[in-house]
C-alpha atoms as a PDB file:
ATOM      1  CA  MET A   1     131.825  56.149  26.261  1.00  0.00           C
ATOM      2  CA  SER A   2     131.657  58.329  29.354  1.00  0.00           C
ATOM      3  CA  SER A   3     130.413  61.899  29.462  1.00  0.00           C
ATOM      4  CA  ALA A   4     129.911  64.629  32.030  1.00  0.00           C
ATOM      5  CA  TRP A   5     127.492  67.498  32.453  1.00  0.00           C
ATOM      6  CA  PHE A   6     126.704  70.016  35.151  1.00  0.00           C
ATOM      7  CA  GLY A   7     123.316  70.913  36.551  1.00  0.00           C
ATOM      8  CA  PRO A   8     121.326  71.517  39.704  1.00  0.00           C
ATOM      9  CA  CYS A   9     119.698  68.906  41.890  1.00  0.00           C
ATOM     10  CA  PRO A  10     116.001  68.845  40.949  1.00  0.00           C
ATOM     11  CA  HIS A  11     115.065  68.847  44.642  1.00  0.00           C
ATOM     12  CA  CYS A  12     117.424  71.213  46.511  1.00  0.00           C
ATOM     13  CA  ASN A  13     119.057  73.147  43.595  1.00  0.00           C
ATOM     14  CA  VAL A  14     122.641  72.529  44.757  1.00  0.00           C
ATOM     15  CA  SER A  15     125.179  72.449  41.880  1.00  0.00           C
ATOM     16  CA  LEU A  16     126.076  68.882  40.854  1.00  0.00           C
ATOM     17  CA  SER A  17     128.393  67.122  38.413  1.00  0.00           C
ATOM     18  CA  TYR A  18     126.732  64.253  36.570  1.00  0.00           C
ATOM     19  CA  LEU A  19     129.281  61.683  35.318  1.00  0.00           C
ATOM     20  CA  GLN A  20     127.723  59.094  33.016  1.00  0.00           C
ATOM     21  CA  GLY A  21     129.369  55.804  32.128  1.00  0.00           C
ATOM     22  CA  VAL A  22     132.181  55.868  34.696  1.00  0.00           C
ATOM     23  CA  SER A  23     132.940  53.157  37.243  1.00  0.00           C
ATOM     24  CA  GLY A  24     130.710  53.469  40.298  1.00  0.00           C
ATOM     25  CA  SER A  25     127.765  54.667  38.208  1.00  0.00           C
ATOM     26  CA  LYS A  26     124.252  53.779  39.358  1.00  0.00           C
ATOM     27  CA  MET A  27     120.769  54.002  37.899  1.00  0.00           C
ATOM     28  CA  ASN A  28     119.500  55.482  41.182  1.00  0.00           C
ATOM     29  CA  PRO A  29     122.109  58.066  42.308  1.00  0.00           C
ATOM     30  CA  GLN A  30     121.416  60.161  45.378  1.00  0.00           C
ATOM     31  CA  CYS A  31     122.077  63.859  45.821  1.00  0.00           C
ATOM     32  CA  PRO A  32     125.022  64.291  48.218  1.00  0.00           C
ATOM     33  CA  ARG A  33     123.201  67.132  50.001  1.00  0.00           C
ATOM     34  CA  CYS A  34     119.520  66.136  50.323  1.00  0.00           C
ATOM     35  CA  HIS A  35     120.036  62.346  49.776  1.00  0.00           C
ATOM     36  CA  THR A  36     117.018  62.165  47.448  1.00  0.00           C
ATOM     37  CA  VAL A  37     117.215  59.772  44.480  1.00  0.00           C
ATOM     38  CA  ILE A  38     117.675  61.582  41.152  1.00  0.00           C
ATOM     39  CA  ALA A  39     115.967  60.134  38.078  1.00  0.00           C
ATOM     40  CA  VAL A  40     118.495  59.400  35.284  1.00  0.00           C
ATOM     41  CA  THR A  41     118.324  57.593  31.920  1.00  0.00           C
ATOM     42  CA  ARG A  42     121.889  56.163  31.967  1.00  0.00           C
ATOM     43  CA  PRO A  43     124.065  54.883  34.830  1.00  0.00           C
ATOM     44  CA  THR A  44     125.327  58.065  36.478  1.00  0.00           C
ATOM     45  CA  PHE A  45     127.710  59.037  39.269  1.00  0.00           C
ATOM     46  CA  VAL A  46     126.646  62.278  40.984  1.00  0.00           C
ATOM     47  CA  LYS A  47     128.921  64.486  43.072  1.00  0.00           C
ATOM     48  CA  ALA A  48     128.764  68.006  44.468  1.00  0.00           C
ATOM     49  CA  ASP A  49     130.220  70.630  42.129  1.00  0.00           C
ATOM     50  CA  HIS A  50     132.235  73.108  44.188  1.00  0.00           C
ATOM     51  CA  SER A  51     133.817  74.713  41.113  1.00  0.00           C
ATOM     52  CA  ARG A  52     130.641  76.642  40.280  1.00  0.00           C
ATOM     53  CA  LEU A  53     128.476  78.963  42.301  1.00  0.00           C
ATOM     54  CA  SER A  54     125.529  77.218  43.879  1.00  0.00           C
ATOM     55  CA  LEU A  55     121.978  78.373  43.231  1.00  0.00           C
ATOM     56  CA  MET A  56     121.309  78.029  46.954  1.00  0.00           C
ATOM     57  CA  LYS A  57     121.682  80.983  49.291  1.00  0.00           C
ATOM     58  CA  PRO A  58     124.499  80.565  51.839  1.00  0.00           C
ATOM     59  CA  THR A  59     123.299  79.263  55.205  1.00  0.00           C
ATOM     60  CA  ARG A  60     125.606  81.545  57.171  1.00  0.00           C
ATOM     61  CA  PRO A  61     126.847  85.061  56.422  1.00  0.00           C
ATOM     62  CA  MET A  62     130.180  85.441  54.684  1.00  0.00           C
ATOM     63  CA  PRO A  63     132.949  86.912  56.907  1.00  0.00           C
ATOM     64  CA  TYR A  64     134.316  90.233  55.718  1.00  0.00           C
END
């Protein structure tokens, strides 16, 4: 059975979607931003979560 949860990358704090038990899942997924391997207990597919605000500060100022 597949499941999903949302959380930050433990290394760079960018918002991620963790999809467990779906095709393409790996035991050593990498963060799409910092490319560091994330420790998981089940095969997981990790992707950037653009639907939520990131915990990171923006790298460039927002245009007004």
